[in-house]
Amino acid sequence: MTIWICDGCGLEHPDSVVAPEHCVFDRGEVTDEERGDLGAHGSWTTHEELAGRPHEIQHRDHGRGVHSLRREPRLAIGHWSFVVQTPHGNLLWDPPASIDEHVAGLVRELGGVAVIATSHPHMFGAQVSWSHAFGRVPVLVNALDEEWVARPDPVLTRWKDHAEPLPGVELVHVGGHMRGSAVARTADGTLLTGDTIAGSLKPDWVSFQRNLPHRVPLSAAVVRRIADTLDPYDYDRLYTLGGDTIDHDAKQVVRRSANRHIRWVSGEFDHLT
């Protein structure tokens, strides 16, 4: 049997003789609610096929035990995955959508994987295959996002609100982009946001999006909730799945960006438009 991967979104699906009829995110016409909307999906591929395609693994060392990896040419969403090194084992955050000996070997050189977690369901990727490759380590899935799990497996562990998968590493649920959207805060004060908090065209700015392909922003109330939820946590760096990097004063950047977003979408500046 075969593990099938949607090359439109990168999610692996269960063993089957033939490819699934639909990707878990392909639910026909998208409603106003837009849950899981990623636009058009691609065709089906496999880990073996992807391993055979010419590719490289980009590797960035951000210092302080934080590394990011991305396949080139890009696959599916083309996101950056993160390895956070700790004395108690490593976190693999937003895992790659494929796994082969090349990328797995690089992760082993960084110390392997003790636990896997994601910012939101679009980043589930090959989370189960990565777990199996590293001794069936736990994969944390937010309880609000279970409906999007394409490949169920005993390694999946539910969490909600707040979790500490490794000493000093925290997962914080804030919602917004999707119901279970979360961030990871590392012991050194780095915030990994996926696109729960997204980048922007301005280097020292972030954005808050409900739907990134359609550029639909979050409401003022939800952005305030995200900002208030993160306010008790200390962090000075922030990295997104798209490669955006804020290497200092990240908490102040999030506060400024959230306040400006709230003021604009609340209508305060409508007289200027």
Protein backbone atom coordinates (compact mmCIF):
# COMPACT_ATOMS: atom_id res chain seq x y z
CA MET A 1 0.00 0.00 0.00
CA THR A 2 1.05 3.64 -0.42
CA ILE A 3 1.16 6.83 1.62
CA TRP A 4 -0.30 9.46 -0.71
CA ILE A 5 0.68 13.14 -0.58
CA CYS A 6 -1.40 15.96 -2.03
CA ASP A 7 1.16 18.09 -3.88
CA GLY A 8 -1.19 21.06 -3.65
CA CYS A 9 -1.10 21.33 0.16
CA GLY A 10 1.52 18.74 1.17
CA LEU A 11 -0.62 16.65 3.52
CA GLU A 12 -0.01 12.91 3.55
CA HIS A 13 -3.05 10.64 3.52
CA PRO A 14 -3.48 7.04 4.76
CA ASP A 15 -2.14 3.86 3.19
CA SER A 16 -4.27 2.74 0.25
CA VAL A 17 -3.86 0.85 -2.99
CA VAL A 18 -5.10 3.78 -5.08
CA ALA A 19 -4.93 7.49 -4.41
CA PRO A 20 -7.79 9.06 -2.40
CA GLU A 21 -10.61 10.65 -4.33
CA HIS A 22 -10.17 13.98 -2.58
CA CYS A 23 -7.66 15.72 -0.34
CA VAL A 24 -8.93 16.41 3.19
CA PHE A 25 -8.84 20.14 2.37
CA ASP A 26 -10.71 19.76 -0.91
CA ARG A 27 -14.34 19.94 0.13
CA GLY A 28 -15.89 21.31 -3.01
CA GLU A 29 -17.17 24.86 -3.20
CA VAL A 30 -15.71 27.07 -0.49
CA THR A 31 -18.29 28.79 1.69
CA ASP A 32 -18.02 32.15 3.43
CA GLU A 33 -16.67 30.29 6.44
CA GLU A 34 -13.67 29.21 4.32
CA ARG A 35 -12.48 26.53 6.71
CA GLY A 36 -9.42 24.84 5.24
CA ASP A 37 -9.42 26.98 2.10
CA LEU A 38 -6.11 26.71 0.26
CA GLY A 39 -7.26 27.34 -3.28
CA ALA A 40 -6.81 24.77 -6.03
CA HIS A 41 -5.23 21.44 -5.06
CA GLY A 42 -2.75 19.55 -7.12
CA SER A 43 -2.35 15.88 -7.92
CA TRP A 44 -1.11 12.96 -5.83
CA THR A 45 2.51 12.00 -5.24
CA THR A 46 4.46 9.79 -2.82
CA HIS A 47 7.53 10.05 -0.60
CA GLU A 48 9.39 7.74 -2.96
CA GLU A 49 8.56 9.83 -6.01
CA LEU A 50 9.53 13.03 -4.23
CA ALA A 51 12.82 11.54 -3.06
CA GLY A 52 13.64 10.78 -6.69
CA ARG A 53 13.05 14.32 -7.90
CA PRO A 54 16.19 16.52 -7.98
CA HIS A 55 16.08 18.82 -4.98
CA GLU A 56 18.13 20.44 -2.25
CA ILE A 57 17.43 21.26 1.40
CA GLN A 58 17.98 24.85 2.40
CA HIS A 59 19.20 25.14 5.99
CA ARG A 60 19.31 28.30 8.09
CA ASP A 61 20.96 28.45 11.52
CA HIS A 62 19.26 31.24 13.45
CA GLY A 63 21.48 30.77 16.49
CA ARG A 64 20.40 29.96 20.03
CA GLY A 65 19.51 26.41 18.98
CA VAL A 66 16.91 27.33 16.35
CA HIS A 67 17.25 25.99 12.80
CA SER A 68 14.94 26.12 9.78
CA LEU A 69 14.74 23.88 6.71
CA ARG A 70 12.99 24.10 3.35
CA ARG A 71 12.94 21.93 0.25
CA GLU A 72 14.04 23.57 -3.02
CA PRO A 73 12.38 23.49 -5.55
CA ARG A 74 9.49 24.10 -3.21
CA LEU A 75 6.82 21.51 -2.60
CA ALA A 76 3.16 22.44 -2.05
CA ILE A 77 2.99 25.49 0.27
CA GLY A 78 6.78 25.67 0.34
CA HIS A 79 7.01 26.46 4.03
CA TRP A 80 10.01 26.57 6.36
CA SER A 81 10.12 23.88 9.04
CA PHE A 82 11.91 24.47 12.33
CA VAL A 83 14.10 22.34 14.57
CA VAL A 84 14.45 23.67 18.11
CA GLN A 85 17.35 22.10 19.99
CA THR A 86 16.97 21.63 23.75
CA PRO A 87 18.85 19.59 26.39
CA HIS A 88 15.76 17.37 26.62
CA GLY A 89 15.43 16.62 22.90
CA ASN A 90 14.35 18.57 19.86
CA LEU A 91 11.03 20.01 18.71
CA LEU A 92 10.18 19.64 15.02
CA TRP A 93 7.76 22.48 14.29
CA ASP A 94 5.65 22.57 11.12
CA PRO A 95 7.30 19.41 9.72
CA PRO A 96 8.23 19.08 6.04
CA ALA A 97 5.66 17.64 3.65
CA SER A 98 8.11 14.93 2.55
CA ILE A 99 10.81 12.81 4.13
CA ASP A 100 13.81 11.05 2.63
CA GLU A 101 17.27 10.07 3.81
CA HIS A 102 18.72 13.45 2.86
CA VAL A 103 16.47 15.64 5.00
CA ALA A 104 16.13 13.04 7.76
CA GLY A 105 19.92 12.79 7.93
CA LEU A 106 20.24 16.53 8.32
CA VAL A 107 17.72 16.50 11.17
CA ARG A 108 19.63 13.63 12.81
CA GLU A 109 22.79 15.73 12.63
CA LEU A 110 20.91 18.44 14.54
CA GLY A 111 20.03 15.96 17.29
CA GLY A 112 16.95 14.20 15.97
CA VAL A 113 13.34 14.70 17.03
CA ALA A 114 11.72 14.20 20.43
CA VAL A 115 8.31 15.74 19.68
CA ILE A 116 6.45 17.19 16.70
CA ALA A 117 3.92 20.04 16.70
CA THR A 118 2.31 22.35 14.16
CA SER A 119 0.99 25.88 13.96
CA HIS A 120 -2.23 24.78 12.20
CA PRO A 121 -3.59 21.96 9.97
CA HIS A 122 -2.10 23.31 6.73
CA MET A 123 1.24 22.35 8.30
CA PHE A 124 0.41 18.76 9.28
CA GLY A 125 2.47 17.74 6.25
CA ALA A 126 4.18 14.39 6.73
CA GLN A 127 3.94 14.58 10.52
CA VAL A 128 3.16 10.88 11.00
CA SER A 129 5.97 9.71 8.70
CA TRP A 130 8.40 11.99 10.53
CA SER A 131 7.25 10.54 13.85
CA HIS A 132 7.71 6.96 12.64
CA ALA A 133 11.20 7.77 11.29
CA PHE A 134 12.31 8.99 14.72
CA GLY A 135 10.97 6.22 16.93
CA ARG A 136 7.27 7.12 16.87
CA VAL A 137 7.71 10.29 18.90
CA PRO A 138 4.50 12.09 19.93
CA VAL A 139 2.78 14.42 17.47
CA LEU A 140 0.73 17.13 19.15
CA VAL A 141 -2.50 18.16 17.39
CA ASN A 142 -4.76 20.87 18.76
CA ALA A 143 -8.14 19.40 19.72
CA LEU A 144 -9.98 22.05 17.67
CA ASP A 145 -8.29 20.89 14.47
CA GLU A 146 -8.83 17.14 14.64
CA GLU A 147 -11.26 17.20 11.71
CA TRP A 148 -8.36 18.04 9.38
CA VAL A 149 -6.20 15.05 10.34
CA ALA A 150 -5.81 13.20 7.04
CA ARG A 151 -3.72 10.33 8.42
CA PRO A 152 -4.82 9.13 11.88
CA ASP A 153 -2.22 7.28 13.93
CA PRO A 154 -1.59 6.32 17.58
CA VAL A 155 1.31 8.81 17.75
CA LEU A 156 -1.16 11.73 17.62
CA THR A 157 -1.77 13.42 20.97
CA ARG A 158 -4.50 16.02 21.56
CA TRP A 159 -3.80 19.28 23.34
CA LYS A 160 -5.65 22.54 23.92
CA ASP A 161 -5.04 26.00 25.37
CA HIS A 162 -1.43 25.48 26.51
CA ALA A 163 1.09 22.65 26.42
CA GLU A 164 4.73 22.15 27.34
CA PRO A 165 5.94 19.28 25.13
CA LEU A 166 9.54 19.77 26.30
CA PRO A 167 10.84 21.63 29.36
CA GLY A 168 10.95 25.32 28.47
CA VAL A 169 9.11 24.91 25.14
CA GLU A 170 5.49 26.09 25.19
CA LEU A 171 2.62 25.77 22.74
CA VAL A 172 0.06 28.56 23.05
CA HIS A 173 -3.35 28.37 21.37
CA VAL A 174 -4.54 31.71 20.00
CA GLY A 175 -6.84 30.75 17.09
CA GLY A 176 -7.51 33.18 14.27
CA HIS A 177 -6.18 31.80 11.01
CA MET A 178 -7.79 28.46 11.88
CA ARG A 179 -9.64 27.45 15.03
CA GLY A 180 -6.69 25.64 16.59
CA SER A 181 -3.95 27.96 15.34
CA ALA A 182 -1.06 28.17 17.75
CA VAL A 183 2.45 29.47 18.27
CA ALA A 184 5.49 27.87 19.87
CA ARG A 185 7.62 29.80 22.33
CA THR A 186 11.10 28.45 22.96
CA ALA A 187 13.09 28.70 26.17
CA ASP A 188 15.44 31.26 24.59
CA GLY A 189 12.58 33.65 23.78
CA THR A 190 11.89 32.82 20.13
CA LEU A 191 8.29 32.78 18.86
CA LEU A 192 7.53 30.40 15.99
CA THR A 193 4.22 31.47 14.49
CA GLY A 194 3.61 29.51 11.27
CA ASP A 195 1.17 31.97 9.75
CA THR A 196 -0.91 32.33 12.91
CA ILE A 197 0.96 35.63 12.85
CA ALA A 198 2.13 36.21 9.29
CA GLY A 199 4.78 38.38 7.72
CA SER A 200 4.29 41.52 5.68
CA LEU A 201 6.03 43.58 3.03
CA LYS A 202 7.55 45.71 5.78
CA PRO A 203 10.50 44.05 7.54
CA ASP A 204 9.57 45.14 11.07
CA TRP A 205 5.85 44.43 10.79
CA VAL A 206 3.51 41.43 11.02
CA SER A 207 -0.02 40.75 9.78
CA PHE A 208 -3.05 38.85 11.01
CA GLN A 209 -4.87 36.97 8.26
CA ARG A 210 -7.93 34.74 8.23
CA ASN A 211 -7.28 33.65 4.65
CA LEU A 212 -3.85 34.31 3.19
CA PRO A 213 -4.52 33.35 -0.46
CA HIS A 214 -7.48 35.75 -0.54
CA ARG A 215 -5.89 38.34 1.79
CA VAL A 216 -8.89 38.31 4.13
CA PRO A 217 -7.86 39.96 7.43
CA LEU A 218 -8.93 38.94 10.90
CA SER A 219 -11.39 41.11 12.81
CA ALA A 220 -10.38 43.63 15.42
CA ALA A 221 -11.74 41.45 18.24
CA VAL A 222 -9.75 38.38 17.16
CA VAL A 223 -6.51 40.33 16.71
CA ARG A 224 -7.00 41.84 20.17
CA ARG A 225 -7.51 38.33 21.56
CA ILE A 226 -4.29 37.10 19.93
CA ALA A 227 -2.31 40.08 21.21
CA ASP A 228 -3.73 39.78 24.72
CA THR A 229 -3.08 36.04 24.84
CA LEU A 230 0.58 36.53 23.92
CA ASP A 231 1.16 39.58 26.09
CA PRO A 232 2.22 37.63 29.23
CA TYR A 233 4.97 35.81 27.32
CA ASP A 234 8.46 37.21 26.81
CA TYR A 235 10.05 36.84 23.38
CA ASP A 236 12.42 38.92 21.29
CA ARG A 237 12.52 36.97 18.00
CA LEU A 238 9.76 35.81 15.66
CA TYR A 239 9.89 33.50 12.64
CA THR A 240 7.06 32.61 10.26
CA LEU A 241 6.58 29.62 7.97
CA GLY A 242 7.08 31.89 4.97
CA GLY A 243 10.63 32.79 5.99
CA ASP A 244 9.92 36.17 7.56
CA THR A 245 12.42 36.90 10.33
CA ILE A 246 12.24 39.45 13.13
CA ASP A 247 15.49 39.12 15.03
CA HIS A 248 14.94 41.70 17.76
CA ASP A 249 12.12 43.54 19.56
CA ALA A 250 9.57 41.04 18.21
CA LYS A 251 7.13 41.54 21.07
CA GLN A 252 7.02 45.27 20.41
CA VAL A 253 6.55 44.59 16.69
CA VAL A 254 3.55 42.35 17.40
CA ARG A 255 2.00 44.96 19.71
CA ARG A 256 2.46 47.81 17.22
CA SER A 257 1.17 45.75 14.31
CA ALA A 258 -1.85 44.51 16.25
CA ASN A 259 -2.79 48.01 17.43
CA ARG A 260 -2.56 49.46 13.92
CA HIS A 261 -4.56 46.56 12.46
CA ILE A 262 -7.29 46.99 15.08
CA ARG A 263 -7.56 50.72 14.46
CA TRP A 264 -7.86 50.31 10.70
CA VAL A 265 -10.39 47.49 10.61
CA SER A 266 -12.43 49.19 13.33
CA GLY A 267 -13.09 52.11 11.00
CA GLU A 268 -11.02 54.76 12.82
CA PHE A 269 -9.41 55.88 9.56
CA ASP A 270 -12.41 55.52 7.27
CA HIS A 271 -12.41 59.28 6.71
CA LEU A 272 -9.08 58.88 4.91
CA THR A 273 -10.43 56.38 2.40
